[in-house]
Structure formats: structure tokens, C-alpha cells
Amino acid sequence: MTLRKIAAAYLLVMVSSTAVAQESHYQRAMRSDADNANYGVVGMGEGNNSGMTSGIYWSRVRDADDRMIIHETKEDTLMRRKEFIRLCELAYDAYEAKNDNNTVAYGDSALHYGFHTPELVFFMAVSYERLGDYKNARRSYRHAIDVGYPHAALAYKQFKQRQKERKKSAN
């Protein structure tokens, strides 16, 4: 099974599971406080005098602006998701072909849609490092660790070691 097929299967599972949460967020924000009270406590801060209103869903499904989620139609969400998947597949293909410029370009474009996958973030980190953009490589390796890519911690440790060696050889 190729990397693209594995990544596409992973994307399908991840995007399908986040879509349910996004729709519940959208629906929850559009209901009145009284109607939301009938649905029970959803998250931290709701119904416990913390100052948050029960009309706002507290959990973030993705790193996106809540205003965009609240005012987005279901069709817009589906279109964004389809475009994200298309760009991810292009980034994965570019990574497989060792085309680091396209991996970063397509990956960065995909991330602007508000979704992410651990693989995409990790592939971008490796590509940034190969391109010599060490600042973005460090940021992407850390992000890959945060989003749970299994080998990111070891890769980041190795990246830091390579950075030390580069600095030592430059002197």
C-alpha cells in the first residue's frame, strides 16, 4: 500500500470524525441558551458559573476562528474539507517525490483551511529542514509532536542534534 493510500484513508477517518463535532458546534452556536440547556452540559464552563454562556461550545475541533465556524454553512464546511483533502494529497505526492518546495506550498495551503493531519505537519517539517528553513522546521517538528505524530519526538531530537553539528561546523 502506498503512502498516498494510507494517508488518504487516514484523512477520511480524521475528517469524518471531526465533521460530526463541527456540525454539533455549528448547531449548538445557533440554538438559544434555553434550548442548549435541554441538551445537558457539553463542556467545561457551561452551567458552572464560569462566565461562559451555554450558547457557545467550548471545545475546539480545529484551530480555526470560532466566528468562521458559527457563520459557515454546511456546504461551505464540506467544500473546505474537500479542498483540504485535495491539497493534502498533492502535498503527500510531492513529499513522496522528494519535491520539498511543493510539499511546503501545498501543505501550507491545506493548513489554511483550518484542518490538519499529523502526517502533513511532519512532512512539512522534514521538507523545511531539507530546504534549509530551520526556523519553520523547528516550529513544524514541535507542532507534529503536539498533534501526536508517533515519530516526531525522536525526529525533533535528531533535528536538534543536526542543528548543533551545523553550528559547530560553521565555526
N, C-alpha and C. Protein backbone atom coordinates (compact mmCIF):
# COMPACT_ATOMS: atom_id res chain seq x y z
N MET A 1 0.85 -1.17 0.00
CA MET A 1 0.00 0.00 0.00
C MET A 1 0.89 1.23 0.00
N THR A 2 0.62 2.17 -0.89
CA THR A 2 1.48 3.35 -0.99
C THR A 2 1.17 4.35 0.12
N LEU A 3 2.09 5.25 0.29
CA LEU A 3 1.92 6.30 1.30
C LEU A 3 0.67 7.12 1.03
N ARG A 4 0.38 7.38 -0.24
CA ARG A 4 -0.79 8.16 -0.59
C ARG A 4 -2.08 7.47 -0.17
N LYS A 5 -2.17 6.15 -0.37
CA LYS A 5 -3.37 5.41 0.01
C LYS A 5 -3.55 5.39 1.52
N ILE A 6 -2.45 5.22 2.24
CA ILE A 6 -2.51 5.22 3.70
C ILE A 6 -2.96 6.59 4.20
N ALA A 7 -2.35 7.63 3.63
CA ALA A 7 -2.69 8.99 4.05
C ALA A 7 -4.14 9.32 3.71
N ALA A 8 -4.60 8.89 2.54
CA ALA A 8 -5.99 9.17 2.15
C ALA A 8 -6.96 8.47 3.09
N ALA A 9 -6.65 7.23 3.48
CA ALA A 9 -7.51 6.52 4.42
C ALA A 9 -7.53 7.22 5.77
N TYR A 10 -6.36 7.65 6.22
CA TYR A 10 -6.27 8.37 7.49
C TYR A 10 -7.06 9.68 7.43
N LEU A 11 -6.92 10.41 6.32
CA LEU A 11 -7.66 11.65 6.16
C LEU A 11 -9.16 11.42 6.22
N LEU A 12 -9.61 10.38 5.55
CA LEU A 12 -11.04 10.07 5.54
C LEU A 12 -11.56 9.83 6.94
N VAL A 13 -10.81 9.06 7.72
CA VAL A 13 -11.23 8.77 9.09
C VAL A 13 -11.21 10.04 9.93
N MET A 14 -10.12 10.81 9.85
CA MET A 14 -9.98 12.02 10.66
C MET A 14 -11.03 13.06 10.29
N VAL A 15 -11.20 13.30 9.01
CA VAL A 15 -12.13 14.33 8.58
C VAL A 15 -13.56 13.92 8.88
N SER A 16 -13.88 12.65 8.75
CA SER A 16 -15.23 12.19 9.06
C SER A 16 -15.53 12.38 10.54
N SER A 17 -14.57 12.09 11.39
CA SER A 17 -14.82 12.22 12.83
C SER A 17 -14.90 13.67 13.25
N THR A 18 -14.13 14.56 12.61
CA THR A 18 -14.20 15.97 13.00
C THR A 18 -15.45 16.63 12.45
N ALA A 19 -15.99 16.12 11.36
CA ALA A 19 -17.18 16.73 10.79
C ALA A 19 -18.35 16.68 11.75
N VAL A 20 -18.49 15.59 12.47
CA VAL A 20 -19.58 15.46 13.44
C VAL A 20 -19.45 16.51 14.51
N ALA A 21 -18.24 16.70 15.03
CA ALA A 21 -18.03 17.69 16.08
C ALA A 21 -18.24 19.10 15.54
N GLN A 22 -17.84 19.35 14.31
CA GLN A 22 -18.03 20.68 13.74
C GLN A 22 -19.51 20.98 13.58
N GLU A 23 -20.24 20.03 13.10
CA GLU A 23 -21.67 20.25 12.93
C GLU A 23 -22.35 20.47 14.28
N SER A 24 -21.94 19.72 15.30
CA SER A 24 -22.55 19.93 16.61
C SER A 24 -22.20 21.32 17.13
N HIS A 25 -20.97 21.78 16.85
CA HIS A 25 -20.57 23.13 17.24
C HIS A 25 -21.43 24.15 16.52
N TYR A 26 -21.62 23.95 15.24
CA TYR A 26 -22.41 24.87 14.44
C TYR A 26 -23.85 24.91 14.96
N GLN A 27 -24.42 23.74 15.18
CA GLN A 27 -25.81 23.68 15.65
C GLN A 27 -25.94 24.28 17.05
N ARG A 28 -24.98 23.99 17.93
CA ARG A 28 -25.04 24.49 19.30
C ARG A 28 -24.98 26.01 19.33
N ALA A 29 -24.14 26.59 18.50
CA ALA A 29 -24.00 28.04 18.49
C ALA A 29 -25.25 28.73 17.94
N MET A 30 -26.00 28.04 17.12
CA MET A 30 -27.17 28.64 16.51
C MET A 30 -28.42 28.49 17.37
N ARG A 31 -28.38 27.62 18.39
CA ARG A 31 -29.55 27.45 19.26
C ARG A 31 -29.55 28.51 20.35
N SER A 32 -30.70 28.72 20.94
CA SER A 32 -30.80 29.66 22.06
C SER A 32 -30.22 29.02 23.31
N ASP A 33 -29.91 29.84 24.31
CA ASP A 33 -29.37 29.32 25.58
C ASP A 33 -30.36 28.35 26.23
N ALA A 34 -31.64 28.65 26.14
CA ALA A 34 -32.65 27.79 26.76
C ALA A 34 -32.68 26.42 26.08
N ASP A 35 -32.58 26.41 24.74
CA ASP A 35 -32.56 25.14 24.03
C ASP A 35 -31.30 24.35 24.34
N ASN A 36 -30.17 25.04 24.44
CA ASN A 36 -28.91 24.36 24.76
C ASN A 36 -28.95 23.73 26.14
N ALA A 37 -29.66 24.35 27.07
CA ALA A 37 -29.77 23.81 28.42
C ALA A 37 -30.45 22.44 28.40
N ASN A 38 -31.34 22.22 27.44
CA ASN A 38 -32.01 20.94 27.32
C ASN A 38 -31.09 19.82 26.84
N TYR A 39 -29.97 20.20 26.24
CA TYR A 39 -29.03 19.21 25.72
C TYR A 39 -28.02 18.77 26.77
N GLY A 40 -28.01 19.39 27.94
CA GLY A 40 -27.11 18.98 29.01
C GLY A 40 -25.77 19.68 28.92
N VAL A 41 -24.92 19.40 29.88
CA VAL A 41 -23.61 20.03 29.94
C VAL A 41 -22.71 19.37 28.90
N VAL A 42 -22.14 20.19 28.03
CA VAL A 42 -21.30 19.68 26.96
C VAL A 42 -19.84 19.79 27.34
N GLY A 43 -19.45 20.86 27.99
CA GLY A 43 -18.03 21.04 28.25
C GLY A 43 -17.77 21.96 29.41
N MET A 44 -16.51 22.16 29.66
CA MET A 44 -16.04 23.00 30.75
C MET A 44 -16.62 24.40 30.62
N GLY A 45 -17.09 24.93 31.70
CA GLY A 45 -17.56 26.30 31.71
C GLY A 45 -19.04 26.45 31.50
N GLU A 46 -19.69 25.46 30.99
CA GLU A 46 -21.11 25.60 30.73
C GLU A 46 -21.92 25.16 31.93
N GLY A 47 -22.72 26.05 32.41
CA GLY A 47 -23.60 25.72 33.51
C GLY A 47 -22.90 25.64 34.85
N ASN A 48 -21.67 26.17 34.96
CA ASN A 48 -20.99 26.10 36.25
C ASN A 48 -20.48 27.47 36.72
N ASN A 49 -21.19 28.52 36.33
CA ASN A 49 -20.90 29.89 36.76
C ASN A 49 -19.48 30.34 36.43
N SER A 50 -18.93 29.90 35.34
CA SER A 50 -17.58 30.32 34.98
C SER A 50 -17.59 31.53 34.07
N GLY A 51 -18.75 32.02 33.72
CA GLY A 51 -18.85 33.20 32.87
C GLY A 51 -19.10 32.87 31.41
N MET A 52 -18.97 31.64 31.02
CA MET A 52 -19.23 31.29 29.63
C MET A 52 -20.72 31.04 29.46
N THR A 53 -21.25 31.46 28.34
CA THR A 53 -22.66 31.22 28.10
C THR A 53 -22.84 29.82 27.56
N SER A 54 -24.02 29.29 27.75
CA SER A 54 -24.24 27.92 27.28
C SER A 54 -24.48 27.87 25.78
N GLY A 55 -24.53 29.02 25.11
CA GLY A 55 -24.73 29.04 23.67
C GLY A 55 -23.44 28.87 22.89
N ILE A 56 -22.30 28.78 23.55
CA ILE A 56 -21.02 28.64 22.86
C ILE A 56 -20.40 27.31 23.25
N TYR A 57 -20.07 26.55 22.27
CA TYR A 57 -19.42 25.26 22.50
C TYR A 57 -17.96 25.53 22.82
N TRP A 58 -17.44 25.06 23.92
CA TRP A 58 -16.11 25.44 24.38
C TRP A 58 -14.99 24.69 23.71
N SER A 59 -15.22 23.49 23.25
CA SER A 59 -14.15 22.66 22.72
C SER A 59 -13.84 23.03 21.28
N ARG A 60 -12.57 23.20 20.98
CA ARG A 60 -12.18 23.49 19.61
C ARG A 60 -11.87 22.20 18.88
N VAL A 61 -12.54 22.00 17.77
CA VAL A 61 -12.33 20.82 16.95
C VAL A 61 -11.06 21.00 16.13
N ARG A 62 -10.80 22.20 15.70
CA ARG A 62 -9.65 22.52 14.87
C ARG A 62 -9.20 23.93 15.20
N ASP A 63 -8.04 24.30 14.77
CA ASP A 63 -7.52 25.63 15.04
C ASP A 63 -8.10 26.59 14.01
N ALA A 64 -9.27 27.06 14.29
CA ALA A 64 -9.92 28.00 13.38
C ALA A 64 -10.68 29.00 14.22
N ASP A 65 -10.98 30.10 13.62
CA ASP A 65 -11.70 31.15 14.31
C ASP A 65 -13.15 30.71 14.52
N ASP A 66 -13.62 30.83 15.76
CA ASP A 66 -14.99 30.40 16.07
C ASP A 66 -16.03 31.14 15.23
N ARG A 67 -15.76 32.40 14.92
CA ARG A 67 -16.73 33.15 14.12
C ARG A 67 -16.91 32.51 12.75
N MET A 68 -15.83 31.98 12.19
CA MET A 68 -15.92 31.33 10.89
C MET A 68 -16.79 30.08 10.99
N ILE A 69 -16.64 29.32 12.06
CA ILE A 69 -17.41 28.09 12.23
C ILE A 69 -18.89 28.42 12.42
N ILE A 70 -19.18 29.40 13.24
CA ILE A 70 -20.57 29.74 13.55
C ILE A 70 -21.32 30.21 12.31
N HIS A 71 -20.67 31.00 11.48
CA HIS A 71 -21.35 31.59 10.32
C HIS A 71 -21.17 30.78 9.05
N GLU A 72 -20.55 29.64 9.14
CA GLU A 72 -20.30 28.82 7.97
C GLU A 72 -21.47 27.86 7.74
N THR A 73 -21.87 27.74 6.49
CA THR A 73 -22.93 26.79 6.17
C THR A 73 -22.34 25.39 6.06
N LYS A 74 -23.20 24.41 6.09
CA LYS A 74 -22.76 23.02 5.96
C LYS A 74 -22.06 22.81 4.62
N GLU A 75 -22.58 23.43 3.58
CA GLU A 75 -21.98 23.29 2.25
C GLU A 75 -20.58 23.89 2.22
N ASP A 76 -20.40 25.03 2.91
CA ASP A 76 -19.07 25.66 2.97
C ASP A 76 -18.08 24.76 3.69
N THR A 77 -18.53 24.13 4.78
CA THR A 77 -17.66 23.22 5.52
C THR A 77 -17.24 22.05 4.64
N LEU A 78 -18.18 21.48 3.90
CA LEU A 78 -17.87 20.36 3.01
C LEU A 78 -16.90 20.78 1.90
N MET A 79 -17.10 21.97 1.35
CA MET A 79 -16.20 22.45 0.30
C MET A 79 -14.79 22.67 0.85
N ARG A 80 -14.69 23.25 2.04
CA ARG A 80 -13.37 23.45 2.66
C ARG A 80 -12.69 22.12 2.92
N ARG A 81 -13.44 21.15 3.40
CA ARG A 81 -12.89 19.84 3.70
C ARG A 81 -12.39 19.15 2.42
N LYS A 82 -13.17 19.23 1.34
CA LYS A 82 -12.76 18.62 0.08
C LYS A 82 -11.48 19.28 -0.45
N GLU A 83 -11.41 20.59 -0.36
CA GLU A 83 -10.21 21.29 -0.83
C GLU A 83 -9.01 20.95 0.04
N PHE A 84 -9.22 20.82 1.34
CA PHE A 84 -8.15 20.41 2.25
C PHE A 84 -7.61 19.04 1.85
N ILE A 85 -8.50 18.10 1.60
CA ILE A 85 -8.08 16.74 1.23
C ILE A 85 -7.32 16.76 -0.09
N ARG A 86 -7.80 17.54 -1.05
CA ARG A 86 -7.12 17.64 -2.35
C ARG A 86 -5.70 18.18 -2.18
N LEU A 87 -5.56 19.23 -1.41
CA LEU A 87 -4.24 19.82 -1.19
C LEU A 87 -3.32 18.88 -0.40
N CYS A 88 -3.88 18.16 0.56
CA CYS A 88 -3.08 17.18 1.31
C CYS A 88 -2.55 16.09 0.39
N GLU A 89 -3.39 15.60 -0.49
CA GLU A 89 -2.93 14.56 -1.41
C GLU A 89 -1.80 15.07 -2.30
N LEU A 90 -1.91 16.33 -2.75
CA LEU A 90 -0.83 16.91 -3.55
C LEU A 90 0.45 17.05 -2.73
N ALA A 91 0.30 17.45 -1.47
CA ALA A 91 1.47 17.57 -0.59
C ALA A 91 2.10 16.21 -0.33
N TYR A 92 1.27 15.19 -0.11
CA TYR A 92 1.79 13.84 0.13
C TYR A 92 2.53 13.32 -1.10
N ASP A 93 1.95 13.55 -2.28
CA ASP A 93 2.61 13.13 -3.52
C ASP A 93 3.95 13.84 -3.69
N ALA A 94 3.97 15.12 -3.40
CA ALA A 94 5.22 15.90 -3.52
C ALA A 94 6.25 15.39 -2.52
N TYR A 95 5.84 15.05 -1.33
CA TYR A 95 6.76 14.53 -0.33
C TYR A 95 7.35 13.19 -0.78
N GLU A 96 6.49 12.33 -1.31
CA GLU A 96 6.95 11.04 -1.82
C GLU A 96 7.96 11.21 -2.95
N ALA A 97 7.76 12.25 -3.78
CA ALA A 97 8.66 12.53 -4.89
C ALA A 97 9.87 13.36 -4.46
N LYS A 98 9.97 13.65 -3.16
CA LYS A 98 11.06 14.46 -2.58
C LYS A 98 11.11 15.86 -3.18
N ASN A 99 9.93 16.39 -3.51
CA ASN A 99 9.81 17.76 -4.02
C ASN A 99 9.42 18.63 -2.82
N ASP A 100 10.43 19.11 -2.10
CA ASP A 100 10.18 19.81 -0.85
C ASP A 100 9.46 21.14 -1.03
N ASN A 101 9.75 21.85 -2.11
CA ASN A 101 9.06 23.13 -2.34
C ASN A 101 7.56 22.93 -2.47
N ASN A 102 7.15 21.93 -3.25
CA ASN A 102 5.71 21.67 -3.41
C ASN A 102 5.09 21.09 -2.15
N THR A 103 5.84 20.29 -1.40
CA THR A 103 5.31 19.76 -0.14
C THR A 103 4.94 20.91 0.78
N VAL A 104 5.84 21.87 0.90
CA VAL A 104 5.60 23.02 1.77
C VAL A 104 4.48 23.89 1.22
N ALA A 105 4.50 24.14 -0.08
CA ALA A 105 3.48 25.02 -0.68
C ALA A 105 2.08 24.43 -0.54
N TYR A 106 1.92 23.17 -0.93
CA TYR A 106 0.60 22.54 -0.83
C TYR A 106 0.20 22.32 0.63
N GLY A 107 1.16 21.94 1.45
CA GLY A 107 0.86 21.72 2.87
C GLY A 107 0.42 22.99 3.56
N ASP A 108 1.13 24.08 3.29
CA ASP A 108 0.76 25.36 3.90
C ASP A 108 -0.62 25.81 3.42
N SER A 109 -0.88 25.61 2.14
CA SER A 109 -2.21 25.97 1.62
C SER A 109 -3.30 25.12 2.28
N ALA A 110 -3.03 23.85 2.48
CA ALA A 110 -4.02 22.97 3.12
C ALA A 110 -4.28 23.41 4.56
N LEU A 111 -3.23 23.77 5.28
CA LEU A 111 -3.41 24.17 6.68
C LEU A 111 -4.23 25.45 6.82
N HIS A 112 -4.25 26.27 5.81
CA HIS A 112 -5.05 27.50 5.87
C HIS A 112 -6.55 27.22 5.86
N TYR A 113 -6.94 26.00 5.54
CA TYR A 113 -8.36 25.64 5.56
C TYR A 113 -8.86 25.26 6.95
N GLY A 114 -7.97 25.29 7.94
CA GLY A 114 -8.40 25.08 9.32
C GLY A 114 -8.35 23.64 9.80
N PHE A 115 -7.95 22.72 8.95
CA PHE A 115 -7.79 21.32 9.35
C PHE A 115 -6.31 21.00 9.38
N HIS A 116 -5.95 19.86 9.94
CA HIS A 116 -4.57 19.39 9.88
C HIS A 116 -4.54 17.89 10.09
N THR A 117 -3.44 17.29 9.68
CA THR A 117 -3.17 15.90 9.99
C THR A 117 -1.76 15.84 10.54
N PRO A 118 -1.48 14.92 11.45
CA PRO A 118 -0.12 14.81 11.98
C PRO A 118 0.91 14.53 10.90
N GLU A 119 0.56 13.72 9.91
CA GLU A 119 1.49 13.39 8.84
C GLU A 119 1.87 14.63 8.04
N LEU A 120 0.87 15.43 7.70
CA LEU A 120 1.12 16.63 6.91
C LEU A 120 2.09 17.56 7.63
N VAL A 121 1.86 17.77 8.90
CA VAL A 121 2.73 18.66 9.67
C VAL A 121 4.15 18.10 9.73
N PHE A 122 4.27 16.79 9.92
CA PHE A 122 5.59 16.17 9.98
C PHE A 122 6.30 16.25 8.63
N PHE A 123 5.58 15.95 7.55
CA PHE A 123 6.19 16.01 6.22
C PHE A 123 6.68 17.42 5.92
N MET A 124 5.92 18.41 6.36
CA MET A 124 6.34 19.80 6.15
C MET A 124 7.61 20.10 6.96
N ALA A 125 7.71 19.56 8.17
CA ALA A 125 8.91 19.77 8.99
C ALA A 125 10.14 19.22 8.29
N VAL A 126 10.03 18.00 7.79
CA VAL A 126 11.16 17.39 7.08
C VAL A 126 11.52 18.20 5.85
N SER A 127 10.50 18.64 5.12
CA SER A 127 10.75 19.43 3.90
C SER A 127 11.39 20.77 4.22
N TYR A 128 10.91 21.44 5.27
CA TYR A 128 11.53 22.70 5.67
C TYR A 128 13.00 22.49 6.01
N GLU A 129 13.30 21.41 6.72
CA GLU A 129 14.69 21.16 7.08
C GLU A 129 15.54 20.93 5.83
N ARG A 130 15.04 20.15 4.90
CA ARG A 130 15.80 19.90 3.66
C ARG A 130 16.01 21.17 2.86
N LEU A 131 15.05 22.10 2.96
CA LEU A 131 15.18 23.37 2.25
C LEU A 131 16.09 24.36 2.97
N GLY A 132 16.45 24.04 4.21
CA GLY A 132 17.32 24.94 4.97
C GLY A 132 16.57 25.99 5.76
N ASP A 133 15.26 25.88 5.83
CA ASP A 133 14.44 26.81 6.62
C ASP A 133 14.29 26.22 8.03
N TYR A 134 15.32 26.39 8.84
CA TYR A 134 15.38 25.71 10.14
C TYR A 134 14.39 26.27 11.15
N LYS A 135 14.06 27.54 11.03
CA LYS A 135 13.08 28.13 11.95
C LYS A 135 11.71 27.47 11.77
N ASN A 136 11.26 27.36 10.53
CA ASN A 136 9.97 26.72 10.27
C ASN A 136 10.04 25.22 10.49
N ALA A 137 11.21 24.62 10.26
CA ALA A 137 11.36 23.19 10.53
C ALA A 137 11.18 22.93 12.02
N ARG A 138 11.83 23.73 12.86
CA ARG A 138 11.69 23.57 14.32
C ARG A 138 10.23 23.73 14.75
N ARG A 139 9.59 24.76 14.23
CA ARG A 139 8.18 25.00 14.57
C ARG A 139 7.30 23.83 14.13
N SER A 140 7.55 23.31 12.95
CA SER A 140 6.74 22.20 12.43
C SER A 140 7.00 20.91 13.19
N TYR A 141 8.26 20.65 13.54
CA TYR A 141 8.54 19.45 14.35
C TYR A 141 7.80 19.53 15.69
N ARG A 142 7.84 20.69 16.32
CA ARG A 142 7.14 20.85 17.60
C ARG A 142 5.62 20.67 17.42
N HIS A 143 5.11 21.22 16.34
CA HIS A 143 3.68 21.09 16.06
C HIS A 143 3.33 19.62 15.82
N ALA A 144 4.19 18.90 15.11
CA ALA A 144 3.95 17.47 14.86
C ALA A 144 3.91 16.69 16.18
N ILE A 145 4.77 17.06 17.11
CA ILE A 145 4.74 16.43 18.44
C ILE A 145 3.42 16.74 19.13
N ASP A 146 3.00 18.00 19.07
CA ASP A 146 1.77 18.42 19.73
C ASP A 146 0.53 17.72 19.18
N VAL A 147 0.51 17.48 17.87
CA VAL A 147 -0.67 16.86 17.28
C VAL A 147 -0.59 15.34 17.26
N GLY A 148 0.51 14.78 17.79
CA GLY A 148 0.56 13.35 18.02
C GLY A 148 1.17 12.49 16.94
N TYR A 149 2.06 13.03 16.12
CA TYR A 149 2.72 12.17 15.14
C TYR A 149 3.67 11.25 15.90
N PRO A 150 3.60 9.93 15.70
CA PRO A 150 4.32 8.99 16.56
C PRO A 150 5.84 9.15 16.60
N HIS A 151 6.47 9.49 15.51
CA HIS A 151 7.93 9.54 15.46
C HIS A 151 8.46 10.96 15.54
N ALA A 152 7.61 11.92 15.81
CA ALA A 152 8.03 13.32 15.79
C ALA A 152 9.02 13.66 16.90
N ALA A 153 8.83 13.10 18.08
CA ALA A 153 9.72 13.42 19.20
C ALA A 153 11.15 12.97 18.89
N LEU A 154 11.31 11.77 18.37
CA LEU A 154 12.64 11.28 18.01
C LEU A 154 13.22 12.11 16.86
N ALA A 155 12.42 12.40 15.87
CA ALA A 155 12.89 13.20 14.73
C ALA A 155 13.31 14.60 15.17
N TYR A 156 12.56 15.17 16.12
CA TYR A 156 12.91 16.50 16.63
C TYR A 156 14.22 16.46 17.40
N LYS A 157 14.43 15.42 18.18
CA LYS A 157 15.68 15.26 18.91
C LYS A 157 16.85 15.15 17.93
N GLN A 158 16.66 14.37 16.87
CA GLN A 158 17.70 14.25 15.85
C GLN A 158 17.92 15.56 15.11
N PHE A 159 16.85 16.30 14.87
CA PHE A 159 16.96 17.62 14.23
C PHE A 159 17.80 18.55 15.09
N LYS A 160 17.53 18.58 16.38
CA LYS A 160 18.32 19.45 17.28
C LYS A 160 19.79 19.04 17.27
N GLN A 161 20.07 17.75 17.21
CA GLN A 161 21.47 17.28 17.15
C GLN A 161 22.12 17.74 15.85
N ARG A 162 21.39 17.64 14.74
CA ARG A 162 21.94 18.11 13.45
C ARG A 162 22.19 19.61 13.49
N GLN A 163 21.31 20.35 14.18
CA GLN A 163 21.49 21.80 14.31
C GLN A 163 22.78 22.10 15.06
N LYS A 164 23.05 21.37 16.15
CA LYS A 164 24.29 21.56 16.91
C LYS A 164 25.50 21.29 16.03
N GLU A 165 25.43 20.21 15.25
CA GLU A 165 26.54 19.87 14.38
C GLU A 165 26.75 20.93 13.30
N ARG A 166 25.66 21.49 12.76
CA ARG A 166 25.77 22.55 11.75
C ARG A 166 26.46 23.78 12.35
N LYS A 167 26.04 24.16 13.56
CA LYS A 167 26.64 25.32 14.21
C LYS A 167 28.12 25.08 14.49
N LYS A 168 28.44 23.86 14.92
CA LYS A 168 29.83 23.52 15.24
C LYS A 168 30.69 23.56 13.98
N SER A 169 30.17 23.03 12.87
CA SER A 169 30.95 23.02 11.62
C SER A 169 31.05 24.41 11.00
N ALA A 170 30.09 25.28 11.30
CA ALA A 170 30.13 26.65 10.76
C ALA A 170 31.20 27.49 11.45
N ASN A 171 31.55 27.13 12.67
CA ASN A 171 32.57 27.90 13.42
C ASN A 171 33.92 27.51 13.04
